[in-house]
N, C-alpha and C. Protein backbone atom coordinates (compact mmCIF):
# COMPACT_ATOMS: atom_id res chain seq x y z
N MET A 1 16.89 -38.97 7.90
CA MET A 1 17.80 -38.63 8.15
C MET A 1 17.29 -38.76 9.76
N PRO A 2 18.36 -38.69 10.76
CA PRO A 2 17.90 -38.86 12.29
C PRO A 2 17.89 -37.35 12.86
N GLY A 3 16.90 -37.14 13.93
CA GLY A 3 17.04 -36.00 14.55
C GLY A 3 15.19 -35.82 14.76
N HIS A 4 15.41 -34.31 15.45
CA HIS A 4 13.99 -34.06 15.52
C HIS A 4 12.97 -33.31 14.16
N LEU A 5 11.66 -34.08 14.16
CA LEU A 5 10.62 -33.33 13.21
C LEU A 5 9.96 -32.90 13.39
N TYR A 6 9.25 -31.46 13.18
CA TYR A 6 8.33 -30.75 13.73
C TYR A 6 7.03 -31.42 13.66
N ARG A 7 6.28 -31.51 14.58
CA ARG A 7 4.95 -31.72 14.82
C ARG A 7 4.20 -30.92 15.18
N ILE A 8 3.62 -30.05 14.12
CA ILE A 8 2.17 -29.10 14.76
C ILE A 8 1.10 -29.07 13.94
N PRO A 9 -0.21 -29.52 14.41
CA PRO A 9 -0.05 -31.28 15.16
C PRO A 9 -0.26 -32.21 14.07
N GLY A 10 -0.40 -33.34 14.25
CA GLY A 10 -1.00 -34.41 13.34
C GLY A 10 0.20 -35.35 13.14
N THR A 11 0.63 -35.37 11.88
CA THR A 11 1.57 -36.65 11.37
C THR A 11 2.49 -36.37 10.87
N PHE A 12 3.09 -36.85 10.33
CA PHE A 12 4.09 -36.75 9.90
C PHE A 12 4.38 -37.52 8.22
N LEU A 13 3.09 -38.19 7.91
CA LEU A 13 2.73 -38.55 6.65
C LEU A 13 1.51 -38.54 6.56
N SER A 14 0.87 -38.25 4.94
CA SER A 14 -0.36 -37.78 4.94
C SER A 14 -0.59 -38.97 3.12
N VAL A 15 -1.60 -39.23 3.38
CA VAL A 15 -1.72 -40.29 1.78
C VAL A 15 -3.16 -39.94 0.76
N SER A 16 -3.26 -39.89 -0.09
CA SER A 16 -4.21 -39.43 -1.18
C SER A 16 -4.05 -40.87 -2.14
N ARG A 17 -5.27 -41.21 -1.91
CA ARG A 17 -5.92 -42.30 -3.00
C ARG A 17 -6.09 -41.79 -4.67
N VAL A 18 -6.05 -42.41 -5.37
CA VAL A 18 -5.99 -42.52 -6.75
C VAL A 18 -6.98 -43.20 -7.46
N LYS A 19 -7.82 -42.80 -8.21
CA LYS A 19 -9.13 -43.48 -8.28
C LYS A 19 -8.84 -44.95 -9.71
N SER A 20 -9.60 -45.91 -9.13
CA SER A 20 -9.33 -46.95 -9.73
C SER A 20 -9.24 -47.29 -11.51
N SER A 21 -8.28 -47.90 -11.73
CA SER A 21 -8.63 -48.07 -13.59
C SER A 21 -8.60 -49.09 -13.90
N GLY A 22 -10.08 -49.50 -13.86
CA GLY A 22 -10.33 -51.15 -14.23
C GLY A 22 -10.21 -51.92 -13.11
N SER A 23 -10.19 -53.47 -13.64
CA SER A 23 -10.28 -54.26 -12.21
C SER A 23 -8.84 -54.93 -12.29
N THR A 24 -7.97 -53.75 -11.47
CA THR A 24 -6.53 -53.91 -11.57
C THR A 24 -6.56 -54.79 -10.05
N GLY A 25 -5.43 -55.40 -9.48
CA GLY A 25 -4.86 -55.95 -8.29
C GLY A 25 -4.45 -55.14 -7.26
N PHE A 26 -4.25 -53.88 -7.29
CA PHE A 26 -3.83 -53.50 -6.69
C PHE A 26 -4.67 -52.16 -6.39
N SER A 27 -4.15 -50.91 -5.48
CA SER A 27 -4.44 -49.55 -5.59
C SER A 27 -3.37 -48.95 -5.38
N THR A 28 -3.96 -47.52 -5.75
CA THR A 28 -2.83 -46.68 -6.15
C THR A 28 -2.63 -45.40 -5.45
N VAL A 29 -1.35 -45.04 -4.38
CA VAL A 29 -1.74 -43.90 -3.72
C VAL A 29 -0.68 -42.99 -3.73
N ARG A 30 -0.60 -41.66 -3.46
CA ARG A 30 -0.02 -40.59 -3.37
C ARG A 30 0.60 -40.65 -1.66
N ILE A 31 1.90 -40.53 -1.54
CA ILE A 31 2.14 -40.18 -0.08
C ILE A 31 3.04 -39.26 0.07
N VAL A 32 2.79 -38.16 0.78
CA VAL A 32 3.70 -37.22 1.14
C VAL A 32 4.17 -37.24 2.88
N TYR A 33 5.47 -37.12 2.69
CA TYR A 33 6.14 -37.59 4.12
C TYR A 33 7.23 -36.33 4.59
N SER A 34 7.24 -36.08 5.72
CA SER A 34 8.51 -35.09 6.35
C SER A 34 9.91 -35.93 6.59
N ALA A 35 11.45 -34.74 5.90
CA ALA A 35 11.95 -35.36 5.96
C ALA A 35 12.97 -34.10 5.97
N ARG A 36 14.46 -34.20 6.82
CA ARG A 36 15.11 -33.19 7.06
C ARG A 36 16.18 -33.05 5.87
N GLU A 37 17.12 -31.94 5.68
CA GLU A 37 17.98 -31.85 4.59
C GLU A 37 18.85 -30.80 5.02
N LYS A 38 19.91 -31.12 4.30
CA LYS A 38 21.04 -30.15 4.59
C LYS A 38 20.68 -28.54 4.33
N ASP A 39 21.36 -27.78 5.55
CA ASP A 39 20.54 -26.59 5.12
C ASP A 39 21.55 -25.80 3.85
N SER A 40 21.32 -24.48 4.08
CA SER A 40 22.57 -23.20 2.74
C SER A 40 23.70 -23.36 3.24
N ARG A 41 23.85 -23.97 4.52
CA ARG A 41 25.47 -23.95 4.43
C ARG A 41 25.95 -25.71 4.49
N GLY A 42 25.00 -26.44 3.95
CA GLY A 42 25.57 -27.97 4.06
C GLY A 42 25.89 -28.57 5.12
N VAL A 43 24.73 -28.25 6.53
CA VAL A 43 24.82 -28.59 7.60
C VAL A 43 23.92 -29.86 7.64
N ASP A 44 24.44 -31.18 7.90
CA ASP A 44 23.69 -32.30 7.90
C ASP A 44 22.68 -32.43 9.54
N THR A 45 23.33 -31.79 10.33
CA THR A 45 22.48 -32.02 11.66
C THR A 45 21.84 -30.34 11.74
N SER A 46 20.96 -30.16 10.66
CA SER A 46 20.44 -28.78 10.44
C SER A 46 18.69 -29.42 10.76
N GLN A 47 17.90 -28.16 11.48
CA GLN A 47 16.54 -28.62 11.22
C GLN A 47 15.78 -28.11 9.84
N ARG A 48 16.39 -28.22 9.40
CA ARG A 48 15.67 -27.85 7.87
C ARG A 48 14.91 -29.02 7.54
N GLN A 49 13.85 -28.70 7.71
CA GLN A 49 12.58 -29.86 7.16
C GLN A 49 11.90 -29.57 5.71
N VAL A 50 11.87 -30.62 4.56
CA VAL A 50 11.22 -30.94 3.49
C VAL A 50 9.98 -31.88 3.98
N ALA A 51 9.49 -32.09 2.28
CA ALA A 51 8.41 -32.82 2.18
C ALA A 51 9.20 -33.69 0.90
N LYS A 52 8.94 -35.05 1.20
CA LYS A 52 8.53 -35.82 0.13
C LYS A 52 7.76 -36.71 -0.76
N LEU A 53 7.88 -36.67 -1.73
CA LEU A 53 6.29 -37.43 -2.29
C LEU A 53 6.96 -38.27 -3.30
N VAL A 54 5.86 -39.56 -3.22
CA VAL A 54 6.11 -40.63 -4.26
C VAL A 54 4.70 -40.95 -4.44
N GLU A 55 4.68 -41.64 -5.44
CA GLU A 55 3.44 -42.22 -5.76
C GLU A 55 3.86 -44.09 -6.03
N VAL A 56 2.95 -44.92 -5.46
CA VAL A 56 3.06 -46.16 -5.44
C VAL A 56 1.86 -47.60 -5.55
N HIS A 57 2.03 -48.63 -6.02
CA HIS A 57 0.93 -49.76 -6.01
C HIS A 57 1.14 -50.07 -4.96
N VAL A 58 -0.02 -50.19 -4.38
CA VAL A 58 -0.66 -51.36 -3.03
C VAL A 58 -1.21 -52.75 -3.43
N PRO A 59 -0.29 -53.84 -3.70
CA PRO A 59 -1.19 -54.96 -4.19
C PRO A 59 -2.39 -55.17 -2.73
N ARG A 60 -3.51 -56.02 -3.87
CA ARG A 60 -4.85 -55.63 -2.64
C ARG A 60 -4.74 -57.21 -2.27
N GLU A 61 -3.72 -58.14 -2.54
CA GLU A 61 -3.77 -59.62 -1.49
C GLU A 61 -2.20 -59.91 -1.48
N ALA A 62 -1.29 -59.17 -1.54
CA ALA A 62 -0.06 -59.46 -1.38
C ALA A 62 0.88 -58.38 -0.28
N ARG A 63 1.80 -58.47 -0.11
CA ARG A 63 2.63 -57.54 0.88
C ARG A 63 3.66 -56.76 -0.28
N GLY A 64 3.86 -55.61 0.06
CA GLY A 64 5.17 -54.78 -0.08
C GLY A 64 4.00 -53.62 -1.34
N VAL A 65 4.81 -52.99 -1.53
CA VAL A 65 4.67 -52.03 -2.74
C VAL A 65 5.79 -51.71 -3.66
N ALA A 66 4.86 -51.46 -4.62
CA ALA A 66 5.75 -50.71 -6.22
C ALA A 66 5.95 -49.57 -6.22
N PHE A 67 6.85 -49.32 -6.58
CA PHE A 67 7.04 -47.79 -6.66
C PHE A 67 7.05 -47.37 -8.22
N LEU A 68 6.05 -46.10 -8.30
CA LEU A 68 5.95 -45.74 -9.59
C LEU A 68 6.50 -44.85 -10.16
N SER A 69 6.58 -44.07 -9.21
CA SER A 69 7.24 -42.30 -9.88
C SER A 69 8.88 -42.00 -8.78
N PRO A 70 9.42 -41.54 -9.40
CA PRO A 70 11.07 -41.21 -8.48
C PRO A 70 10.41 -39.97 -7.56
N LEU A 71 11.61 -40.54 -6.70
CA LEU A 71 10.81 -39.64 -5.15
C LEU A 71 11.22 -38.30 -5.47
N ASP A 72 10.18 -37.20 -5.19
CA ASP A 72 10.26 -36.17 -5.73
C ASP A 72 10.28 -35.34 -4.27
N THR A 73 10.50 -34.09 -4.25
CA THR A 73 10.77 -33.40 -3.13
C THR A 73 10.68 -31.80 -3.20
N LEU A 74 9.63 -31.49 -2.39
CA LEU A 74 8.94 -30.07 -2.27
C LEU A 74 9.72 -29.29 -0.80
N ARG A 75 10.27 -28.35 -1.49
CA ARG A 75 11.32 -27.44 -1.05
C ARG A 75 10.85 -25.88 -0.50
N PRO A 76 10.99 -25.79 0.69
CA PRO A 76 10.62 -24.13 0.90
C PRO A 76 11.47 -23.36 0.08
N LEU A 77 10.73 -22.12 -0.07
CA LEU A 77 11.49 -20.97 -1.11
C LEU A 77 12.92 -20.33 -0.47
N GLY A 78 12.88 -20.50 1.08
CA GLY A 78 13.81 -20.01 1.75
C GLY A 78 14.73 -20.87 2.02
N PRO A 79 16.07 -20.98 1.83
CA PRO A 79 17.28 -21.99 2.28
C PRO A 79 17.19 -22.15 3.29
N ASP A 80 16.83 -21.93 4.36
CA ASP A 80 16.80 -22.22 5.64
C ASP A 80 15.46 -22.27 6.27
N ASP A 81 14.72 -22.13 5.73
CA ASP A 81 12.80 -22.48 6.16
C ASP A 81 12.88 -23.74 5.88
N SER A 82 11.85 -23.82 6.77
CA SER A 82 11.04 -25.54 6.68
C SER A 82 9.45 -25.95 5.91
N ILE A 83 9.85 -26.46 5.83
CA ILE A 83 8.09 -27.13 5.45
C ILE A 83 7.62 -28.27 6.28
N PHE A 84 6.42 -27.99 7.04
CA PHE A 84 5.87 -28.93 7.82
C PHE A 84 4.68 -28.77 8.10
N PHE A 85 3.79 -29.85 8.43
CA PHE A 85 2.67 -29.99 8.10
C PHE A 85 2.05 -30.51 7.08
N ALA A 86 2.53 -30.91 5.86
CA ALA A 86 2.16 -31.06 4.92
C ALA A 86 0.97 -32.25 4.36
N SER A 87 0.08 -31.89 3.99
CA SER A 87 -1.20 -32.68 3.87
C SER A 87 -1.82 -32.73 2.41
N TYR A 88 -2.61 -33.89 2.37
CA TYR A 88 -2.89 -34.01 0.80
C TYR A 88 -4.53 -33.83 1.62
N ILE A 89 -5.29 -33.14 0.81
CA ILE A 89 -6.53 -33.25 0.66
C ILE A 89 -7.26 -33.86 -0.55
N GLU A 90 -7.94 -35.21 -0.45
CA GLU A 90 -8.16 -36.30 -1.50
C GLU A 90 -9.66 -35.97 -2.19
N THR A 91 -9.93 -36.04 -3.03
CA THR A 91 -11.55 -36.28 -3.99
C THR A 91 -12.16 -37.32 -3.40
N ASP A 92 -12.40 -37.33 -2.15
CA ASP A 92 -12.64 -38.65 -1.38
C ASP A 92 -14.30 -39.15 -2.01
N ALA A 93 -15.31 -38.54 -3.02
CA ALA A 93 -16.40 -38.75 -3.48
C ALA A 93 -16.67 -39.35 -4.57
N PHE A 94 -15.52 -40.45 -5.00
CA PHE A 94 -15.82 -40.60 -6.33
C PHE A 94 -17.25 -41.15 -7.29
N GLY A 95 -17.34 -40.88 -8.22
CA GLY A 95 -18.60 -40.84 -8.83
C GLY A 95 -18.42 -40.40 -10.18
N PRO A 96 -19.71 -40.82 -11.08
CA PRO A 96 -19.87 -40.37 -12.73
C PRO A 96 -19.24 -39.31 -12.58
N ALA A 97 -19.79 -37.91 -11.80
CA ALA A 97 -19.97 -36.45 -11.87
C ALA A 97 -18.57 -35.93 -11.48
N THR A 98 -17.67 -36.62 -10.24
CA THR A 98 -16.89 -36.32 -9.54
C THR A 98 -15.15 -37.03 -10.21
N GLU A 99 -15.58 -38.06 -10.48
CA GLU A 99 -14.32 -38.84 -10.91
C GLU A 99 -12.83 -37.96 -11.18
N SER A 100 -11.94 -38.17 -10.59
CA SER A 100 -10.99 -37.24 -10.69
C SER A 100 -9.59 -37.54 -10.12
N ASP A 101 -8.64 -37.38 -10.62
CA ASP A 101 -7.30 -37.82 -9.85
C ASP A 101 -6.65 -36.51 -9.31
N LYS A 102 -7.37 -35.55 -9.38
CA LYS A 102 -6.73 -34.31 -8.60
C LYS A 102 -7.05 -34.43 -7.27
N ALA A 103 -5.66 -34.21 -6.65
CA ALA A 103 -6.08 -33.81 -5.06
C ALA A 103 -4.76 -32.54 -4.69
N LEU A 104 -5.49 -31.93 -3.46
CA LEU A 104 -4.90 -30.71 -3.36
C LEU A 104 -3.56 -30.94 -1.95
N LEU A 105 -2.56 -30.54 -2.05
CA LEU A 105 -1.69 -30.51 -1.38
C LEU A 105 -1.29 -29.29 -0.58
N TRP A 106 -1.28 -29.04 0.76
CA TRP A 106 -0.86 -27.54 1.28
C TRP A 106 0.05 -28.05 2.32
N TRP A 107 0.76 -26.65 2.64
CA TRP A 107 1.81 -27.11 3.79
C TRP A 107 2.12 -25.58 4.38
N LEU A 108 2.56 -25.84 5.54
CA LEU A 108 3.07 -24.62 6.19
C LEU A 108 4.55 -24.03 6.02
N GLU A 109 4.77 -23.29 5.78
CA GLU A 109 6.28 -22.96 5.50
C GLU A 109 7.16 -21.49 5.93
N GLY A 110 7.92 -21.97 6.79
CA GLY A 110 8.65 -20.57 7.30
C GLY A 110 9.69 -21.35 8.33
N ARG A 111 10.11 -20.49 8.86
CA ARG A 111 11.49 -20.68 10.25
C ARG A 111 10.65 -21.44 11.51
N ARG A 112 11.20 -22.52 11.86
CA ARG A 112 10.90 -23.31 13.09
C ARG A 112 12.08 -23.34 13.90
N SER A 113 11.77 -23.28 15.23
CA SER A 113 12.83 -23.30 15.97
C SER A 113 12.38 -24.36 17.67
N SER A 114 13.05 -24.89 18.50
CA SER A 114 13.12 -25.52 19.79
C SER A 114 12.41 -24.35 20.72
N GLN A 115 12.95 -23.40 20.16
CA GLN A 115 12.51 -22.33 21.09
C GLN A 115 11.36 -21.14 20.69
N PRO A 116 10.40 -21.31 21.35
CA PRO A 116 9.11 -20.69 20.60
C PRO A 116 9.60 -19.21 20.65
N ALA A 117 10.12 -18.47 21.03
CA ALA A 117 10.44 -16.83 21.11
C ALA A 117 11.20 -16.84 19.58
N GLU A 118 12.21 -17.75 19.48
CA GLU A 118 12.68 -17.57 18.22
C GLU A 118 12.05 -18.26 16.77
N ASP A 119 10.95 -18.54 17.12
CA ASP A 119 10.21 -18.70 15.63
C ASP A 119 9.73 -17.42 14.63
N GLY A 120 9.88 -17.95 13.36
CA GLY A 120 9.68 -16.71 12.42
C GLY A 120 8.27 -17.12 12.11
N MET A 121 8.06 -16.28 10.98
CA MET A 121 6.63 -16.33 10.62
C MET A 121 6.34 -17.37 9.74
N TYR A 122 5.60 -18.19 9.22
CA TYR A 122 5.30 -19.14 8.09
C TYR A 122 3.89 -18.40 7.31
N ALA A 123 4.09 -19.27 5.95
CA ALA A 123 3.19 -18.81 5.20
C ALA A 123 2.36 -20.27 5.02
N VAL A 124 1.01 -19.99 4.15
CA VAL A 124 0.38 -21.12 4.34
C VAL A 124 0.40 -21.33 2.62
N ARG A 125 0.42 -22.43 2.14
CA ARG A 125 0.78 -22.66 0.47
C ARG A 125 0.35 -23.97 -0.02
N TYR A 126 -0.38 -24.01 -1.08
CA TYR A 126 -0.57 -25.30 -1.76
C TYR A 126 -0.54 -25.62 -3.35
N LEU A 127 -0.68 -26.60 -3.88
CA LEU A 127 -0.71 -26.58 -5.06
C LEU A 127 -1.45 -27.89 -5.38
N ILE A 128 -2.08 -28.32 -6.80
CA ILE A 128 -2.89 -29.41 -7.08
C ILE A 128 -2.39 -30.04 -7.85
N GLN A 129 -2.15 -31.22 -7.71
CA GLN A 129 -1.27 -32.70 -8.17
C GLN A 129 -2.74 -33.52 -9.09
N SER A 130 -2.64 -33.45 -10.32
CA SER A 130 -3.50 -33.90 -11.01
C SER A 130 -2.94 -35.37 -11.84
N GLY A 131 -1.64 -35.89 -11.63
CA GLY A 131 -1.25 -36.82 -12.32
C GLY A 131 0.02 -36.95 -12.00
N ARG A 132 0.71 -38.05 -12.09
CA ARG A 132 2.03 -38.60 -11.37
C ARG A 132 3.04 -37.57 -11.56
N TRP A 133 2.81 -36.88 -12.45
CA TRP A 133 4.25 -35.74 -12.41
C TRP A 133 3.62 -34.53 -12.94
N THR A 134 2.11 -34.44 -12.76
CA THR A 134 1.41 -33.08 -12.84
C THR A 134 0.91 -32.07 -12.06
N PHE A 135 1.96 -31.17 -11.69
CA PHE A 135 1.57 -30.33 -10.48
C PHE A 135 1.16 -28.81 -11.14
N SER A 136 0.41 -27.86 -10.52
CA SER A 136 0.19 -27.07 -10.94
C SER A 136 1.14 -26.02 -10.26
N PRO A 137 1.15 -24.49 -10.35
CA PRO A 137 2.53 -23.80 -9.82
C PRO A 137 1.83 -23.61 -7.98
N THR A 138 2.60 -23.03 -7.75
CA THR A 138 2.35 -23.31 -5.82
C THR A 138 1.55 -21.90 -5.81
N TYR A 139 1.11 -21.96 -4.77
CA TYR A 139 0.15 -20.53 -4.70
C TYR A 139 0.16 -20.27 -3.21
N SER A 140 -0.47 -19.73 -2.80
CA SER A 140 -0.47 -18.85 -1.54
C SER A 140 -2.06 -19.27 -0.91
N LEU A 141 -2.26 -19.17 0.31
CA LEU A 141 -3.89 -19.56 0.74
C LEU A 141 -4.25 -18.35 1.11
N ALA A 142 -3.36 -17.19 1.59
CA ALA A 142 -3.77 -16.15 1.97
C ALA A 142 -3.10 -15.06 1.48
N THR A 143 -3.61 -13.78 0.98
CA THR A 143 -3.14 -12.58 0.79
C THR A 143 -4.34 -11.43 0.75
N ARG A 144 -3.12 -10.21 0.83
CA ARG A 144 -3.92 -9.02 1.51
C ARG A 144 -4.53 -8.50 -0.14
N SER A 145 -5.20 -7.31 -0.15
CA SER A 145 -5.85 -6.82 -1.24
C SER A 145 -4.64 -6.26 -2.24
N ASP A 146 -3.18 -6.01 -1.40
CA ASP A 146 -2.63 -5.47 -2.88
C ASP A 146 -1.81 -6.91 -3.22
N GLY A 147 -2.26 -7.97 -2.76
CA GLY A 147 -1.27 -9.18 -3.36
C GLY A 147 -0.17 -9.80 -2.50
N THR A 148 0.12 -8.82 -1.25
CA THR A 148 1.27 -9.56 -0.45
C THR A 148 0.50 -10.57 0.41
N GLU A 149 1.28 -11.62 0.37
CA GLU A 149 1.11 -12.70 1.49
C GLU A 149 1.31 -12.37 2.86
N VAL A 150 0.05 -13.34 3.57
CA VAL A 150 -0.33 -13.31 4.86
C VAL A 150 0.94 -14.25 5.34
N ARG A 151 0.81 -13.42 6.75
CA ARG A 151 2.22 -14.56 7.29
C ARG A 151 1.65 -14.73 9.01
N TRP A 152 1.79 -15.95 9.45
CA TRP A 152 0.93 -16.10 11.11
C TRP A 152 2.33 -16.51 12.00
N ARG A 153 2.44 -16.61 13.13
CA ARG A 153 3.36 -17.33 13.96
C ARG A 153 2.31 -18.47 14.72
N TYR A 154 3.00 -19.28 14.54
CA TYR A 154 2.64 -20.94 15.23
C TYR A 154 2.28 -20.55 16.58
N ASN A 155 1.69 -21.06 17.23
CA ASN A 155 0.71 -21.06 18.54
C ASN A 155 1.72 -22.14 19.58
N HIS A 156 2.32 -21.64 20.35
CA HIS A 156 2.86 -22.76 21.53
C HIS A 156 2.14 -21.99 23.17
N PRO A 157 2.16 -23.60 23.45
CA PRO A 157 2.43 -24.99 23.11
C PRO A 157 1.48 -25.48 22.59
N CYS A 158 1.42 -26.44 21.65
CA CYS A 158 0.74 -27.00 20.58
C CYS A 158 -0.88 -27.72 21.45
N ASN A 159 -0.93 -28.32 22.97
CA ASN A 159 -2.03 -28.19 23.56
C ASN A 159 -2.62 -26.97 24.04
N SER A 160 -2.47 -25.84 23.61
CA SER A 160 -3.16 -24.62 23.69
C SER A 160 -4.57 -24.59 23.08
N THR A 161 -5.09 -23.96 23.11
CA THR A 161 -6.95 -24.15 22.75
C THR A 161 -6.45 -23.65 21.37
N GLY A 162 -6.83 -24.29 20.71
CA GLY A 162 -7.21 -24.25 19.20
C GLY A 162 -6.24 -24.55 18.40
N CYS A 163 -5.32 -25.22 19.08
CA CYS A 163 -3.83 -26.11 18.08
C CYS A 163 -4.56 -27.12 17.10
N TRP A 164 -5.72 -27.78 17.31
CA TRP A 164 -5.89 -29.00 16.36
C TRP A 164 -7.59 -28.79 16.19
N LEU A 165 -8.17 -29.44 15.09
CA LEU A 165 -9.47 -29.75 14.72
C LEU A 165 -9.94 -31.25 14.83
N GLY A 166 -8.88 -31.92 15.06
CA GLY A 166 -9.26 -33.29 15.62
C GLY A 166 -9.71 -34.36 13.78
N GLU A 167 -10.56 -34.80 13.50
CA GLU A 167 -10.61 -35.32 12.43
C GLU A 167 -10.62 -34.47 11.08
N TYR A 168 -11.04 -32.89 11.44
CA TYR A 168 -10.97 -32.11 9.93
C TYR A 168 -9.38 -31.47 9.99
N GLU A 169 -8.41 -31.82 10.72
CA GLU A 169 -7.53 -30.73 10.96
C GLU A 169 -6.85 -30.85 9.70
N ARG A 170 -6.94 -31.59 8.83
CA ARG A 170 -5.80 -31.62 7.69
C ARG A 170 -6.90 -31.12 6.44
N GLY A 171 -8.30 -30.89 6.52
CA GLY A 171 -9.13 -30.01 5.53
C GLY A 171 -10.07 -31.23 5.31
N ALA A 172 -11.09 -30.55 4.32
CA ALA A 172 -12.14 -31.47 4.02
C ALA A 172 -12.62 -31.24 2.36
N PHE A 173 -13.36 -31.76 1.64
CA PHE A 173 -13.58 -31.74 0.05
C PHE A 173 -15.41 -32.26 0.23
N TRP A 174 -15.77 -31.26 -0.43
CA TRP A 174 -16.79 -31.71 -1.28
C TRP A 174 -17.22 -31.25 -2.76
N TYR A 175 -18.01 -32.08 -3.51
CA TYR A 175 -18.19 -31.39 -5.01
C TYR A 175 -19.43 -30.92 -4.81
N ASP A 176 -19.24 -29.69 -5.77
CA ASP A 176 -20.31 -28.98 -6.16
C ASP A 176 -21.03 -28.88 -7.10
N SER A 177 -22.23 -29.86 -7.47
CA SER A 177 -22.59 -30.05 -8.82
C SER A 177 -23.15 -29.35 -9.61
N SER A 178 -23.46 -28.21 -8.87
CA SER A 178 -24.13 -27.11 -9.36
C SER A 178 -23.50 -26.29 -10.31
N GLY A 179 -22.05 -26.20 -10.16
CA GLY A 179 -20.97 -25.39 -10.70
C GLY A 179 -19.55 -26.52 -11.23
N ASN A 180 -20.21 -27.39 -11.00
CA ASN A 180 -18.94 -28.48 -11.71
C ASN A 180 -17.98 -28.28 -10.83
N LYS A 181 -17.93 -28.35 -9.66
CA LYS A 181 -16.18 -27.82 -8.94
C LYS A 181 -15.70 -28.58 -8.04
N LEU A 182 -15.03 -29.16 -7.94
CA LEU A 182 -14.07 -29.74 -6.40
C LEU A 182 -13.59 -28.28 -5.58
N ARG A 183 -14.28 -29.04 -4.56
CA ARG A 183 -13.97 -27.73 -3.54
C ARG A 183 -13.52 -28.21 -2.31
N PHE A 184 -12.24 -27.51 -2.01
CA PHE A 184 -10.79 -28.21 -0.90
C PHE A 184 -11.55 -26.88 0.37
N LEU A 185 -11.64 -27.24 1.18
CA LEU A 185 -11.91 -26.52 2.35
C LEU A 185 -10.13 -26.89 3.35
N VAL A 186 -9.24 -25.57 3.32
CA VAL A 186 -8.32 -25.68 3.97
C VAL A 186 -8.26 -25.05 5.55
N PRO A 187 -7.74 -25.54 6.54
CA PRO A 187 -7.59 -24.90 7.87
C PRO A 187 -6.17 -25.07 8.29
N TRP A 188 -5.80 -23.97 9.14
CA TRP A 188 -4.50 -23.75 9.58
C TRP A 188 -4.36 -23.39 10.59
N PRO A 189 -3.60 -23.91 11.69
CA PRO A 189 -3.48 -22.88 13.08
C PRO A 189 -2.39 -21.57 12.68
N GLY A 190 -2.74 -20.87 13.60
CA GLY A 190 -1.71 -19.51 14.07
C GLY A 190 -2.43 -18.78 15.32
N ARG A 191 -1.73 -17.65 15.18
CA ARG A 191 -2.27 -16.62 16.32
C ARG A 191 -2.15 -15.31 15.44
N ASP A 192 -2.63 -14.26 15.82
CA ASP A 192 -2.50 -12.82 15.08
C ASP A 192 -1.04 -12.45 15.51
N PRO A 193 -0.60 -11.90 14.35
CA PRO A 193 1.28 -11.43 14.66
C PRO A 193 0.92 -9.91 15.39
N GLU A 194 -0.28 -9.23 15.41
CA GLU A 194 -0.79 -8.20 15.79
C GLU A 194 -0.70 -8.04 17.42
N GLU A 195 -0.92 -9.10 17.96
CA GLU A 195 -1.42 -9.28 19.20
C GLU A 195 0.14 -9.95 20.04
N SER A 196 0.28 -9.49 21.50
CA SER A 196 1.70 -9.79 22.00
C SER A 196 1.12 -10.99 22.79
N ARG A 197 0.08 -11.50 23.17
CA ARG A 197 -0.26 -12.30 24.08
C ARG A 197 -0.50 -13.88 23.26
N ILE A 198 -0.63 -15.05 23.57
CA ILE A 198 -0.68 -16.08 22.99
C ILE A 198 -2.31 -16.48 22.49
N HIS A 199 -2.63 -15.98 21.65
CA HIS A 199 -4.51 -16.54 21.29
C HIS A 199 -4.38 -17.59 20.05
N ALA A 200 -4.68 -18.64 20.34
CA ALA A 200 -5.04 -19.62 19.28
C ALA A 200 -6.04 -19.17 18.29
N TYR A 201 -6.03 -19.39 17.05
CA TYR A 201 -6.76 -19.23 16.04
C TYR A 201 -6.75 -20.46 15.05
N TYR A 202 -7.90 -20.45 14.50
CA TYR A 202 -7.79 -21.52 13.00
C TYR A 202 -8.40 -20.33 12.02
N TYR A 203 -7.28 -20.72 10.82
CA TYR A 203 -7.95 -19.59 9.57
C TYR A 203 -8.55 -20.67 8.40
N PHE A 204 -8.91 -20.18 7.65
CA PHE A 204 -9.23 -21.33 6.49
C PHE A 204 -9.67 -20.50 4.99
N ASN A 205 -9.17 -21.12 3.93
CA ASN A 205 -9.84 -20.93 3.11
C ASN A 205 -10.05 -21.80 2.08
N GLU A 206 -10.92 -21.41 1.48
CA GLU A 206 -11.55 -22.37 0.13
C GLU A 206 -10.69 -22.55 -1.38
N VAL A 207 -10.42 -23.24 -2.15
CA VAL A 207 -9.99 -23.48 -3.08
C VAL A 207 -10.90 -24.26 -4.00
N GLN A 208 -11.22 -23.77 -5.08
CA GLN A 208 -12.30 -24.58 -6.41
C GLN A 208 -11.34 -24.90 -7.64
N VAL A 209 -11.39 -26.22 -7.80
CA VAL A 209 -10.83 -26.51 -9.28
C VAL A 209 -11.97 -27.41 -9.81
N THR A 210 -11.81 -27.21 -11.06
CA THR A 210 -12.62 -28.03 -11.88
C THR A 210 -12.27 -29.29 -12.16
N PRO A 211 -13.22 -30.40 -12.49
CA PRO A 211 -12.39 -32.15 -12.08
C PRO A 211 -11.76 -32.13 -13.42
């Protein structure tokens, strides 16, 4: 759909490779990208943003792609909220002990506006994808001791200190052989909602998954 997509920061598209199955003539990748959708009133021109997911075959010696799965849509819980900065963290250290199709998909979710003063609080959520149609439940990346979800305000403008992490702005992965765990590190931008001044921070959390 035409119109502005929220970029905070990074890209509108993220890719996760799937381990090779034998001597196939193609590579398999999962793709998540940003798109706009009607809001709760059915308005086409709204700024409600969702994430689209698809899995494709990419031929190694030819052009074009073959779609393997129907297009799926990741939607925010709030009818007028948006999903932005949806990103895959893949298991990029394939080997006998770590070979896995699992990837972590995480995103920011909340109300976004072209006017910084109108921005609402956002949550950080994730799920684990382990197959073409196999998804874990959605979890929060940060909760308080009483179980409530922690939310942040996004830091404006995007070129402020702490707005991005460069190469690792989407997250990082490593394999823990001692515990046989896939370990995903997720960083996200924000500012302390308790402060009146705009200070940029990066928060992070770690998710451990069995291969």
